Amino acid sequence: MAFALAAFYLLLFNPRQEGVGYVGLALVCAPLAVRAWHAEREQGLGLALMAACVGMGATGLTPLTLRLLSP
């Protein structure tokens, strides 16, 4: 939980936030997606969280995606 709060704090209140900061939030979202999918049997929530992980993490995958997807 501390890692999740730290990632949210950095994304919301850091004026020097870059696109790769969203990868940190995707790392927080991934275990939540796995738990929702497997432990709680909430497939809809699990799929939504997985889509959020991919959406937030796609920017920092490679230098090419960083250049293409960053504003």
Protein backbone atom coordinates (compact mmCIF):
# COMPACT_ATOMS: atom_id res chain seq x y z
CA MET A 1 0.00 0.00 0.00
CA ALA A 2 2.90 2.35 0.74
CA PHE A 3 4.28 1.81 -2.78
CA ALA A 4 0.86 2.56 -4.30
CA LEU A 5 0.47 5.76 -2.31
CA ALA A 6 4.01 6.86 -3.20
CA ALA A 7 3.36 6.26 -6.91
CA PHE A 8 0.09 8.21 -6.81
CA TYR A 9 1.73 11.05 -4.88
CA LEU A 10 4.58 11.33 -7.39
CA LEU A 11 2.21 11.33 -10.34
CA LEU A 12 -0.16 13.90 -8.89
CA PHE A 13 2.13 16.35 -7.12
CA ASN A 14 5.51 16.14 -8.84
CA PRO A 15 5.85 19.08 -11.26
CA ARG A 16 8.67 17.33 -13.15
CA GLN A 17 6.66 14.20 -13.94
CA GLU A 18 7.66 12.38 -17.13
CA GLY A 19 5.95 9.64 -19.12
CA VAL A 20 7.99 6.86 -17.57
CA GLY A 21 6.49 7.70 -14.19
CA TYR A 22 3.31 6.02 -15.32
CA VAL A 23 5.21 2.74 -15.52
CA GLY A 24 5.51 2.90 -11.73
CA LEU A 25 1.76 3.20 -11.46
CA ALA A 26 1.35 0.25 -13.82
CA LEU A 27 3.58 -1.78 -11.48
CA VAL A 28 1.18 -0.96 -8.66
CA CYS A 29 -1.86 -1.83 -10.76
CA ALA A 30 -0.56 -5.21 -11.96
CA PRO A 31 -0.77 -7.11 -8.64
CA LEU A 32 -4.24 -5.67 -8.07
CA ALA A 33 -5.31 -6.96 -11.48
CA VAL A 34 -3.96 -10.44 -10.73
CA ARG A 35 -5.71 -10.50 -7.37
CA ALA A 36 -9.01 -9.37 -8.84
CA TRP A 37 -8.76 -11.92 -11.66
CA HIS A 38 -7.64 -14.98 -9.69
CA ALA A 39 -8.40 -14.57 -5.99
CA GLU A 40 -11.66 -12.64 -6.12
CA ARG A 41 -12.95 -14.05 -9.44
CA GLU A 42 -13.85 -10.56 -10.69
CA GLN A 43 -13.02 -10.96 -14.38
CA GLY A 44 -14.45 -7.58 -15.40
CA LEU A 45 -12.44 -5.67 -12.82
CA GLY A 46 -9.37 -7.75 -13.61
CA LEU A 47 -9.64 -6.96 -17.32
CA ALA A 48 -10.13 -3.26 -16.62
CA LEU A 49 -7.05 -3.17 -14.39
CA MET A 50 -5.02 -5.10 -16.97
CA ALA A 51 -6.04 -2.60 -19.64
CA ALA A 52 -5.02 0.22 -17.30
CA CYS A 53 -1.62 -1.44 -16.76
CA VAL A 54 -1.02 -1.72 -20.49
CA GLY A 55 -2.24 1.81 -21.12
CA MET A 56 -0.05 3.36 -18.43
CA GLY A 57 2.97 1.17 -19.04
CA ALA A 58 3.06 1.34 -22.85
CA THR A 59 4.74 4.73 -22.83
CA GLY A 60 7.92 3.54 -21.17
CA LEU A 61 8.36 0.16 -22.85
CA THR A 62 10.98 1.20 -25.39
CA PRO A 63 12.62 4.48 -26.43
CA LEU A 64 10.48 4.39 -29.62
CA THR A 65 7.19 4.15 -27.71
CA LEU A 66 8.43 6.84 -25.36
CA ARG A 67 8.97 9.21 -28.31
CA LEU A 68 5.71 8.25 -30.05
CA LEU A 69 3.37 8.37 -27.05
CA SER A 70 4.84 11.23 -25.03
CA PRO A 71 3.30 14.66 -25.53
